[in-house]
């Protein structure tokens, strides 16, 4: 049995539903209580991908204000893929996705120098007061190098599993096409092992 260890970043502005998304995906529950993430939250999910493969996901839920400070470089280290999320009822959170993607592309890349695979998620699609159209999301996604985009509703459990499956599939495809290389300890960083992470964890 082969086990893949993938570090997935979950980024986007505050209050777009990132923590609720991770909680729903990992625990299968919708948490109505909103608690702002400070710095980064860390979750793990094991997928039985096929008869011969398991995928262990490290999900790094990064606080919405983090792109304005230098911490993201530490958090992005060793990332295999990324979820960029916005709220369809908030045009500003949609506009911020360009900055999040640029920040990621500047600070995290694959061994061959390519961008880390990213999926764009349009969350809260169950709400009537939508202000971002599907057409504008589609154009933005293609123009900024996302592998795909999906509408999601954490509350209604719409496209949560599907979105992550699409991203993991893309990551595994990309990794299989990269030059064979023995993974080193720096490739997938966990909070327990990363001394740089631990030394700064309490600073903000």
Protein backbone atom coordinates (compact mmCIF):
# COMPACT_ATOMS: atom_id res chain seq x y z
CA UNK A 1 0.00 0.00 0.00
CA UNK A 2 1.41 3.35 -1.08
CA UNK A 3 0.66 6.36 1.10
CA UNK A 4 0.93 9.88 -0.27
CA UNK A 5 1.38 12.75 2.16
CA UNK A 6 -0.07 15.97 0.77
CA UNK A 7 -0.02 19.37 2.39
CA UNK A 8 -3.06 21.39 1.30
CA UNK A 9 -3.36 25.10 2.06
CA UNK A 10 -6.79 26.67 2.56
CA UNK A 11 -6.61 30.43 2.00
CA UNK A 12 -8.93 33.37 1.41
CA UNK A 13 -10.25 36.41 3.25
CA UNK A 14 -11.69 36.17 6.74
CA UNK A 15 -15.26 34.95 7.22
CA UNK A 16 -15.60 33.27 3.80
CA UNK A 17 -16.02 29.83 5.39
CA UNK A 18 -12.54 28.28 5.33
CA UNK A 19 -12.62 26.83 8.86
CA UNK A 20 -16.20 25.59 8.38
CA UNK A 21 -15.14 23.99 5.10
CA UNK A 22 -12.25 22.11 6.74
CA UNK A 23 -14.43 21.07 9.68
CA UNK A 24 -17.15 19.80 7.36
CA UNK A 25 -14.66 17.92 5.19
CA UNK A 26 -12.72 16.31 8.05
CA UNK A 27 -15.52 15.70 10.57
CA UNK A 28 -18.65 15.72 8.39
CA UNK A 29 -20.29 18.42 10.49
CA UNK A 30 -21.37 22.02 10.00
CA UNK A 31 -20.27 24.28 12.81
CA UNK A 32 -22.58 27.29 13.21
CA UNK A 33 -20.28 28.97 15.72
CA UNK A 34 -17.82 31.27 13.95
CA UNK A 35 -14.40 31.41 15.55
CA UNK A 36 -11.79 33.50 13.79
CA UNK A 37 -8.61 31.59 13.00
CA UNK A 38 -5.49 33.14 14.47
CA UNK A 39 -2.41 32.24 12.45
CA UNK A 40 -3.09 28.71 11.23
CA UNK A 41 -5.22 25.71 12.19
CA UNK A 42 -4.09 22.24 11.28
CA UNK A 43 -6.24 19.18 10.45
CA UNK A 44 -5.56 15.72 9.02
CA UNK A 45 -7.74 13.49 6.85
CA UNK A 46 -6.88 10.02 5.52
CA UNK A 47 -8.36 9.02 2.16
CA UNK A 48 -8.49 5.44 0.90
CA UNK A 49 -7.83 6.54 -2.65
CA UNK A 50 -7.65 3.12 -4.33
CA UNK A 51 -6.86 -0.51 -3.58
CA UNK A 52 -3.17 0.33 -3.59
CA UNK A 53 -3.07 3.96 -2.48
CA UNK A 54 -3.86 5.98 0.60
CA UNK A 55 -3.67 9.76 0.71
CA UNK A 56 -2.98 11.52 3.98
CA UNK A 57 -3.98 15.17 3.75
CA UNK A 58 -2.55 17.84 6.01
CA UNK A 59 -5.02 20.73 5.78
CA UNK A 60 -3.59 24.11 6.74
CA UNK A 61 -6.40 26.60 7.39
CA UNK A 62 -4.65 29.97 7.18
CA UNK A 63 -6.18 33.05 8.76
CA UNK A 64 -7.65 35.67 6.43
CA UNK A 65 -5.36 38.46 7.55
CA UNK A 66 -2.18 36.44 7.09
CA UNK A 67 -1.32 37.55 3.56
CA UNK A 68 -0.65 41.05 4.86
CA UNK A 69 2.29 39.83 6.94
CA UNK A 70 5.34 37.73 6.26
CA UNK A 71 4.16 34.54 7.98
CA UNK A 72 2.65 32.98 4.87
CA UNK A 73 6.07 31.97 3.54
CA UNK A 74 6.50 29.60 6.51
CA UNK A 75 3.00 28.20 6.18
CA UNK A 76 3.32 27.65 2.42
CA UNK A 77 6.54 25.66 2.74
CA UNK A 78 6.21 22.18 1.24
CA UNK A 79 2.66 22.72 -0.03
CA UNK A 80 1.32 20.20 -2.57
CA UNK A 81 -1.86 22.08 -3.42
CA UNK A 82 -4.16 24.89 -2.39
CA UNK A 83 -7.81 25.81 -1.96
CA UNK A 84 -8.53 29.51 -2.56
CA UNK A 85 -11.97 30.38 -1.22
CA UNK A 86 -14.26 33.38 -1.41
CA UNK A 87 -17.85 34.22 -0.47
CA UNK A 88 -20.26 34.71 -3.41
CA UNK A 89 -22.09 37.39 -1.38
CA UNK A 90 -18.87 39.43 -0.98
CA UNK A 91 -17.29 40.99 -4.05
CA UNK A 92 -14.27 42.13 -2.02
CA UNK A 93 -13.47 38.54 -0.99
CA UNK A 94 -13.63 37.56 -4.69
CA UNK A 95 -11.27 40.38 -5.68
CA UNK A 96 -8.85 39.30 -2.95
CA UNK A 97 -8.45 35.89 -4.59
CA UNK A 98 -6.06 37.44 -7.12
CA UNK A 99 -3.78 38.58 -4.28
CA UNK A 100 -3.95 35.21 -2.53
CA UNK A 101 -3.04 33.39 -5.75
CA UNK A 102 -0.16 35.77 -6.47
CA UNK A 103 1.11 35.41 -2.89
CA UNK A 104 1.02 31.64 -3.23
CA UNK A 105 2.73 31.61 -6.64
CA UNK A 106 5.50 33.85 -5.28
CA UNK A 107 6.18 31.76 -2.18
CA UNK A 108 5.35 28.13 -3.03
CA UNK A 109 6.19 26.07 -6.10
CA UNK A 110 6.76 22.52 -7.19
CA UNK A 111 10.23 21.01 -7.59
CA UNK A 112 10.20 21.83 -11.31
CA UNK A 113 9.30 25.46 -10.66
CA UNK A 114 5.66 25.17 -11.69
CA UNK A 115 2.85 26.67 -9.64
CA UNK A 116 1.23 24.55 -6.95
CA UNK A 117 -2.16 23.17 -8.16
CA UNK A 118 -5.00 25.40 -6.93
CA UNK A 119 -8.77 25.06 -6.95
CA UNK A 120 -11.04 28.11 -6.61
CA UNK A 121 -14.12 27.66 -4.42
CA UNK A 122 -17.14 29.98 -4.56
CA UNK A 123 -18.62 29.37 -1.12
CA UNK A 124 -22.06 30.18 0.35
CA UNK A 125 -23.80 29.47 -2.97
CA UNK A 126 -26.94 28.59 -0.96
CA UNK A 127 -27.46 32.28 -0.12
CA UNK A 128 -29.84 34.36 -2.23
CA UNK A 129 -27.86 37.61 -1.92
CA UNK A 130 -25.20 36.49 -4.36
CA UNK A 131 -23.17 39.26 -6.04
CA UNK A 132 -20.51 37.32 -8.00
CA UNK A 133 -21.67 35.71 -11.26
CA UNK A 134 -20.61 32.28 -12.49
CA UNK A 135 -19.35 33.84 -15.72
CA UNK A 136 -16.97 36.21 -13.92
CA UNK A 137 -15.70 33.36 -11.72
CA UNK A 138 -15.07 31.19 -14.78
CA UNK A 139 -13.12 33.92 -16.57
CA UNK A 140 -11.09 34.72 -13.45
CA UNK A 141 -10.30 31.04 -12.82
CA UNK A 142 -8.98 30.49 -16.35
CA UNK A 143 -7.03 33.75 -16.41
CA UNK A 144 -5.24 33.04 -13.13
CA UNK A 145 -4.20 29.42 -13.60
CA UNK A 146 -6.63 27.55 -11.34
CA UNK A 147 -7.10 23.86 -12.19
CA UNK A 148 -10.87 24.25 -11.72
CA UNK A 149 -13.52 26.17 -9.81
CA UNK A 150 -16.63 24.97 -8.03
CA UNK A 151 -19.56 26.45 -6.19
CA UNK A 152 -19.73 25.15 -2.63
CA UNK A 153 -22.04 25.39 0.33
CA UNK A 154 -20.53 24.19 3.57
CA UNK A 155 -23.91 24.56 5.25
CA UNK A 156 -25.65 22.30 2.72
CA UNK A 157 -22.60 20.08 2.17
CA UNK A 158 -22.52 20.88 -1.54
CA UNK A 159 -19.35 19.99 -3.50
CA UNK A 160 -17.14 19.70 -0.42
CA UNK A 161 -15.95 16.13 -1.05
CA UNK A 162 -16.07 16.67 -4.81
CA UNK A 163 -13.87 19.77 -4.69
CA UNK A 164 -11.21 18.09 -2.58
CA UNK A 165 -11.29 14.97 -4.73
CA UNK A 166 -10.74 17.11 -7.85
CA UNK A 167 -7.79 18.87 -6.22
CA UNK A 168 -6.19 15.66 -4.91
CA UNK A 169 -6.59 14.03 -8.32
CA UNK A 170 -4.81 16.97 -9.94
CA UNK A 171 -1.99 16.90 -7.37
CA UNK A 172 -1.39 13.17 -7.82
CA UNK A 173 -1.42 13.54 -11.60
CA UNK A 174 1.08 16.40 -11.45
CA UNK A 175 3.33 14.51 -9.01
CA UNK A 176 3.37 11.39 -11.16
CA UNK A 177 4.52 13.52 -14.10
CA UNK A 178 7.34 15.16 -12.18
CA UNK A 179 10.81 13.69 -12.36
CA UNK A 180 11.13 10.76 -9.95
CA UNK A 181 12.79 11.97 -6.82
CA UNK A 182 13.07 10.64 -3.32
CA UNK A 183 11.00 12.90 -1.08
CA UNK A 184 13.10 14.62 1.52
CA UNK A 185 12.09 15.70 5.00
CA UNK A 186 11.67 19.26 3.79
CA UNK A 187 8.93 18.32 1.34
CA UNK A 188 6.06 17.97 3.76
CA UNK A 189 6.39 19.99 6.89
CA UNK A 190 4.25 19.27 9.91
CA UNK A 191 3.90 21.74 12.76
CA UNK A 192 5.49 19.33 15.22
CA UNK A 193 8.64 19.03 13.12
CA UNK A 194 9.11 22.52 11.77
CA UNK A 195 11.20 24.40 14.31
CA UNK A 196 10.86 27.64 12.38
CA UNK A 197 7.08 27.25 12.55
CA UNK A 198 7.12 26.48 16.27
CA UNK A 199 9.46 29.31 17.12
CA UNK A 200 7.10 31.83 15.53
CA UNK A 201 3.78 30.22 16.30
CA UNK A 202 3.03 32.37 19.30
CA UNK A 203 4.01 35.69 17.78
CA UNK A 204 0.63 36.76 16.43
